[in-house]
Protein backbone atom coordinates (compact mmCIF):
# COMPACT_ATOMS: atom_id res chain seq x y z
CA UNK A 1 0.00 0.00 0.00
CA UNK A 2 1.58 3.27 -1.08
CA UNK A 3 -0.37 5.96 0.77
CA UNK A 4 -0.66 4.79 4.38
CA UNK A 5 -3.45 5.88 6.72
CA UNK A 6 -2.86 7.15 10.24
CA UNK A 7 -2.29 4.11 12.47
CA UNK A 8 -5.28 5.21 14.58
CA UNK A 9 -7.64 4.15 11.78
CA UNK A 10 -6.89 0.54 12.72
CA UNK A 11 -8.73 1.02 16.02
CA UNK A 12 -11.75 2.44 14.17
CA UNK A 13 -11.68 -0.64 11.94
CA UNK A 14 -11.64 -2.84 15.05
CA UNK A 15 -14.79 -1.10 16.28
CA UNK A 16 -16.58 -1.66 12.98
CA UNK A 17 -15.75 -5.37 13.18
CA UNK A 18 -16.68 -5.99 16.82
CA UNK A 19 -19.83 -3.87 16.54
CA UNK A 20 -20.93 -6.01 13.55
CA UNK A 21 -21.34 -2.94 11.34
CA UNK A 22 -20.03 -4.67 8.22
CA UNK A 23 -21.96 -6.69 5.65
CA UNK A 24 -19.59 -8.59 3.36
CA UNK A 25 -20.57 -9.60 -0.18
CA UNK A 26 -18.60 -11.26 -2.98
CA UNK A 27 -16.93 -8.11 -4.29
CA UNK A 28 -18.22 -5.36 -2.02
CA UNK A 29 -19.00 -4.58 1.59
CA UNK A 30 -21.24 -2.12 3.39
CA UNK A 31 -19.90 -0.48 6.53
CA UNK A 32 -22.04 1.63 8.88
CA UNK A 33 -20.38 4.54 10.65
CA UNK A 34 -19.85 4.39 14.40
CA UNK A 35 -22.82 6.68 15.07
CA UNK A 36 -25.02 4.87 12.52
CA UNK A 37 -25.63 8.00 10.45
CA UNK A 38 -23.73 6.94 7.32
CA UNK A 39 -23.10 3.80 5.34
CA UNK A 40 -20.00 3.35 3.22
CA UNK A 41 -19.50 1.03 0.26
CA UNK A 42 -16.16 -0.71 -0.17
CA UNK A 43 -15.55 -2.47 -3.48
CA UNK A 44 -12.66 -4.53 -4.75
CA UNK A 45 -11.54 -6.15 -7.96
CA UNK A 46 -8.29 -8.06 -7.96
CA UNK A 47 -5.97 -5.87 -5.85
CA UNK A 48 -7.80 -2.54 -6.40
CA UNK A 49 -10.00 -1.22 -3.56
CA UNK A 50 -12.36 1.74 -3.49
CA UNK A 51 -14.52 3.22 -0.76
CA UNK A 52 -16.73 6.25 -0.45
CA UNK A 53 -15.65 7.07 3.10
CA UNK A 54 -14.13 10.55 3.26
CA UNK A 55 -10.57 9.41 4.02
CA UNK A 56 -10.39 7.00 1.10
CA UNK A 57 -12.29 9.23 -1.31
CA UNK A 58 -10.69 12.58 -0.52
CA UNK A 59 -7.32 11.75 1.08
CA UNK A 60 -6.46 8.71 -1.03
CA UNK A 61 -5.50 6.42 1.84
CA UNK A 62 -7.38 3.38 3.12
CA UNK A 63 -9.98 4.64 5.56
CA UNK A 64 -11.24 2.45 8.38
CA UNK A 65 -13.93 0.78 6.21
CA UNK A 66 -11.25 -0.50 3.80
CA UNK A 67 -8.98 -1.55 6.69
CA UNK A 68 -11.87 -3.44 8.31
CA UNK A 69 -12.57 -5.29 5.06
CA UNK A 70 -8.89 -6.17 4.65
CA UNK A 71 -8.83 -7.49 8.22
CA UNK A 72 -11.94 -9.62 7.60
CA UNK A 73 -10.53 -10.90 4.31
CA UNK A 74 -7.41 -12.07 6.11
CA UNK A 75 -5.15 -9.76 4.10
CA UNK A 76 -4.17 -8.07 7.36
CA UNK A 77 -3.72 -9.85 10.71
CA UNK A 78 -6.78 -9.63 12.96
CA UNK A 79 -6.47 -10.13 16.70
CA UNK A 80 -10.12 -10.39 17.71
CA UNK A 81 -9.28 -10.22 21.41
CA UNK A 82 -7.59 -6.84 20.94
CA UNK A 83 -10.47 -5.67 18.73
CA UNK A 84 -13.05 -6.40 21.46
CA UNK A 85 -11.65 -3.53 23.55
CA UNK A 86 -13.06 -1.09 20.95
CA UNK A 87 -16.69 -2.18 21.10
CA UNK A 88 -19.32 0.54 21.17
CA UNK A 89 -17.05 3.55 20.56
CA UNK A 90 -18.56 6.54 18.76
CA UNK A 91 -15.51 7.57 16.74
CA UNK A 92 -17.51 10.21 14.90
CA UNK A 93 -18.16 12.04 18.17
CA UNK A 94 -14.55 11.63 19.34
CA UNK A 95 -13.08 12.84 16.05
CA UNK A 96 -15.29 15.94 16.20
CA UNK A 97 -14.43 16.53 19.86
CA UNK A 98 -10.70 16.31 19.15
CA UNK A 99 -10.92 18.18 15.81
CA UNK A 100 -9.74 15.15 13.80
CA UNK A 101 -6.65 14.75 15.95
CA UNK A 102 -6.86 10.97 15.74
CA UNK A 103 -4.01 10.43 18.20
CA UNK A 104 -5.86 12.41 20.89
CA UNK A 105 -9.09 10.53 20.16
CA UNK A 106 -7.33 7.17 20.54
CA UNK A 107 -5.56 8.37 23.70
CA UNK A 108 -8.96 9.21 25.21
CA UNK A 109 -10.20 5.70 24.35
CA UNK A 110 -7.14 4.08 25.93
CA UNK A 111 -7.52 6.28 29.03
CA UNK A 112 -11.11 5.06 29.46
CA UNK A 113 -10.28 1.43 28.66
CA UNK A 114 -10.95 -1.01 31.48
CA UNK A 115 -7.73 -3.04 31.42
CA UNK A 116 -4.19 -2.98 32.75
CA UNK A 117 -1.21 -1.19 31.19
CA UNK A 118 0.24 -4.46 29.89
CA UNK A 119 -2.93 -5.21 27.94
CA UNK A 120 -2.95 -1.69 26.49
CA UNK A 121 0.67 -2.11 25.42
CA UNK A 122 -0.16 -5.45 23.77
CA UNK A 123 -3.04 -3.81 21.87
CA UNK A 124 -0.76 -0.99 20.67
CA UNK A 125 1.83 -3.54 19.53
CA UNK A 126 -0.88 -5.42 17.66
CA UNK A 127 -1.94 -2.23 15.85
CA UNK A 128 1.72 -1.65 14.93
CA UNK A 129 1.86 -5.20 13.54
CA UNK A 130 -1.19 -4.48 11.37
CA UNK A 131 0.34 -1.17 10.27
CA UNK A 132 3.59 -2.91 9.26
CA UNK A 133 1.56 -5.48 7.31
CA UNK A 134 -0.20 -2.62 5.50
CA UNK A 135 3.17 -1.36 4.28
CA UNK A 136 3.81 -4.73 2.63
CA UNK A 137 0.31 -5.18 1.22
CA UNK A 138 0.31 -5.09 -2.57
CA UNK A 139 -3.02 -3.36 -3.19
CA UNK A 140 -4.09 -0.11 -4.83
CA UNK A 141 -6.50 2.36 -3.25
CA UNK A 142 -8.51 4.13 -5.92
CA UNK A 143 -11.25 6.76 -5.89
CA UNK A 144 -14.48 5.06 -6.89
CA UNK A 145 -17.50 6.57 -8.58
CA UNK A 146 -19.58 6.75 -5.37
CA UNK A 147 -19.24 10.04 -3.50
CA UNK A 148 -19.13 10.12 0.31
CA UNK A 149 -22.62 9.89 1.83
CA UNK A 150 -24.32 12.63 3.75
CA UNK A 151 -25.68 11.89 7.24
CA UNK A 152 -28.88 9.90 7.17
CA UNK A 153 -30.24 11.80 10.19
CA UNK A 154 -30.65 15.46 10.88
CA UNK A 155 -28.07 16.81 13.30
């Protein structure tokens, strides 16, 4: 993967997986946002992936919906035990609160996490392992024809 996402997007992908917000199909997946207001479409053909989440569409790196799909496809290593620590997190709210400073959002999640320091360190190491695997992954992230969705609810 050429254009790498912030490592923090791995934790958002974990949430999507453990919250069962992903519907996998043969060559596409649908991923609901953490607050349920948007649904993203991830498509793939051979080693080319597209998604209409804002990060993938506008920034050109794999956003959390693409990362979640890659984890579920087995193209990236998935530690389900580590992922369970990210159940029920509203990343949309956190990313707004911390003005898209993803490191601060993740730090707040880790601060609130109900586990010991050793477990937190193991989870961070696992995310680093996934990130290193992303660097070696031979896929292309492309802008698809679907534009990012607008919120499905009034705010």
